[in-house]
Amino acid sequence: MKRTQVAALLAGAALGLTGITAAVVLSRKEGRDAARRLIEKGRPVAEQAKVFGGKAARTAVEQYQVVAPKAIETFNTLREQAPHAAEAISAKLPSIGLNGKKEPAEVTA
């Protein structure tokens, strides 16, 4: 390559890099401006979402405080009845289901 060709290539590369740099700077400024406008538009929606989220959390806590004791009571009742139910079921099974034993198995909790 001749010197003039190398110089032309370097000048073209420098001009291209300058153009790319200018485009990036302009796009960043425009991007920042667009982001500011978008954030300003989104603030009321974000505040509404925050209020709604707080209400949903309070409602969930209130419902949990009502339902949890009932669920615990039901669980404890079922746990107390489980041995009696297991004995009743095993008494009705045929002797084959009891591994050849004639009497039902005792179940203790």
Protein backbone atom coordinates (compact mmCIF):
# COMPACT_ATOMS: atom_id res chain seq x y z
CA MET A 1 0.00 0.00 0.00
CA LYS A 2 1.10 3.47 -0.72
CA ARG A 3 1.29 6.18 1.88
CA THR A 4 -1.67 8.04 0.47
CA GLN A 5 -3.85 4.92 0.72
CA VAL A 6 -2.81 4.36 4.34
CA ALA A 7 -3.45 8.03 5.12
CA ALA A 8 -6.89 7.82 3.50
CA LEU A 9 -7.72 4.68 5.48
CA LEU A 10 -6.62 6.31 8.75
CA ALA A 11 -8.56 9.49 7.96
CA GLY A 12 -11.68 7.43 7.15
CA ALA A 13 -11.32 5.41 10.35
CA ALA A 14 -10.87 8.59 12.40
CA LEU A 15 -13.90 10.16 10.77
CA GLY A 16 -15.92 6.99 11.38
CA LEU A 17 -14.92 6.85 15.04
CA THR A 18 -15.80 10.53 15.42
CA GLY A 19 -19.22 9.89 13.91
CA ILE A 20 -19.82 6.89 16.18
CA THR A 21 -18.76 8.88 19.24
CA ALA A 22 -21.08 11.74 18.32
CA ALA A 23 -23.95 9.31 17.77
CA VAL A 24 -23.39 7.66 21.15
CA VAL A 25 -23.25 11.00 22.97
CA LEU A 26 -26.42 12.23 21.28
CA SER A 27 -28.26 9.00 21.87
CA ARG A 28 -27.29 8.96 25.53
CA LYS A 29 -28.61 12.50 26.04
CA GLU A 30 -31.80 11.66 24.20
CA GLY A 31 -32.01 8.42 26.13
CA ARG A 32 -31.66 10.25 29.42
CA ASP A 33 -34.33 12.76 28.43
CA ALA A 34 -36.69 9.99 27.34
CA ALA A 35 -36.05 8.12 30.57
CA ARG A 36 -36.85 11.22 32.62
CA ARG A 37 -40.12 11.71 30.75
CA LEU A 38 -41.04 8.06 31.21
CA ILE A 39 -40.28 8.17 34.92
CA GLU A 40 -42.39 11.28 35.36
CA LYS A 41 -45.30 9.58 33.60
CA GLY A 42 -44.86 6.42 35.64
CA ARG A 43 -44.76 8.01 39.10
CA PRO A 44 -48.56 8.10 39.66
CA VAL A 45 -48.83 4.46 38.60
CA ALA A 46 -45.99 3.48 40.93
CA GLU A 47 -47.64 5.30 43.84
CA GLN A 48 -50.95 3.57 43.11
CA ALA A 49 -49.18 0.20 42.99
CA LYS A 50 -47.50 0.93 46.31
CA VAL A 51 -50.83 1.81 47.96
CA PHE A 52 -52.51 -1.25 46.45
CA GLY A 53 -49.65 -3.49 47.59
CA GLY A 54 -49.97 -2.18 51.14
CA LYS A 55 -53.71 -2.81 51.16
CA ALA A 56 -53.22 -6.32 49.77
CA ALA A 57 -50.62 -7.11 52.44
CA ARG A 58 -52.88 -5.85 55.25
CA THR A 59 -55.82 -7.86 53.91
CA ALA A 60 -53.68 -11.00 53.65
CA VAL A 61 -52.50 -10.62 57.25
CA GLU A 62 -56.08 -10.12 58.48
CA GLN A 63 -57.30 -13.17 56.59
CA TYR A 64 -54.40 -15.26 57.88
CA GLN A 65 -55.19 -14.26 61.46
CA VAL A 66 -58.78 -15.42 60.97
CA VAL A 67 -58.07 -18.64 59.06
CA ALA A 68 -54.92 -19.88 60.83
CA PRO A 69 -56.55 -20.72 64.21
CA LYS A 70 -59.36 -22.59 62.43
CA ALA A 71 -56.85 -24.54 60.34
CA ILE A 72 -54.82 -25.46 63.41
CA GLU A 73 -57.95 -26.59 65.24
CA THR A 74 -59.05 -28.72 62.26
CA PHE A 75 -55.59 -30.26 61.96
CA ASN A 76 -55.49 -31.16 65.64
CA THR A 77 -58.98 -32.70 65.45
CA LEU A 78 -58.01 -34.81 62.46
CA ARG A 79 -54.79 -35.89 64.14
CA GLU A 80 -56.72 -37.01 67.20
CA GLN A 81 -59.22 -38.97 65.07
CA ALA A 82 -56.61 -40.63 62.83
CA PRO A 83 -55.86 -43.67 65.08
CA HIS A 84 -59.57 -44.43 65.50
CA ALA A 85 -60.17 -44.15 61.76
CA ALA A 86 -57.19 -46.40 60.99
CA GLU A 87 -58.49 -49.05 63.41
CA ALA A 88 -61.97 -48.87 61.90
CA ILE A 89 -60.63 -49.26 58.39
CA SER A 90 -58.30 -52.11 59.30
CA ALA A 91 -61.16 -53.93 61.07
CA LYS A 92 -63.16 -53.93 57.84
CA LEU A 93 -60.32 -55.22 55.64
CA PRO A 94 -60.30 -58.90 54.78
CA SER A 95 -57.81 -61.14 56.55
CA ILE A 96 -55.59 -61.15 53.43
CA GLY A 97 -55.13 -57.43 53.84
CA LEU A 98 -53.98 -58.03 57.40
CA ASN A 99 -51.08 -60.29 56.34
CA GLY A 100 -52.96 -63.41 57.40
CA LYS A 101 -53.75 -62.20 60.93
CA LYS A 102 -57.28 -62.70 62.21
CA GLU A 103 -57.44 -59.59 64.41
CA PRO A 104 -57.01 -55.96 63.31
CA ALA A 105 -53.74 -54.25 64.06
CA GLU A 106 -53.51 -51.75 66.86
CA VAL A 107 -52.58 -48.26 65.72
CA THR A 108 -51.09 -45.79 68.17
CA ALA A 109 -50.26 -42.20 67.44
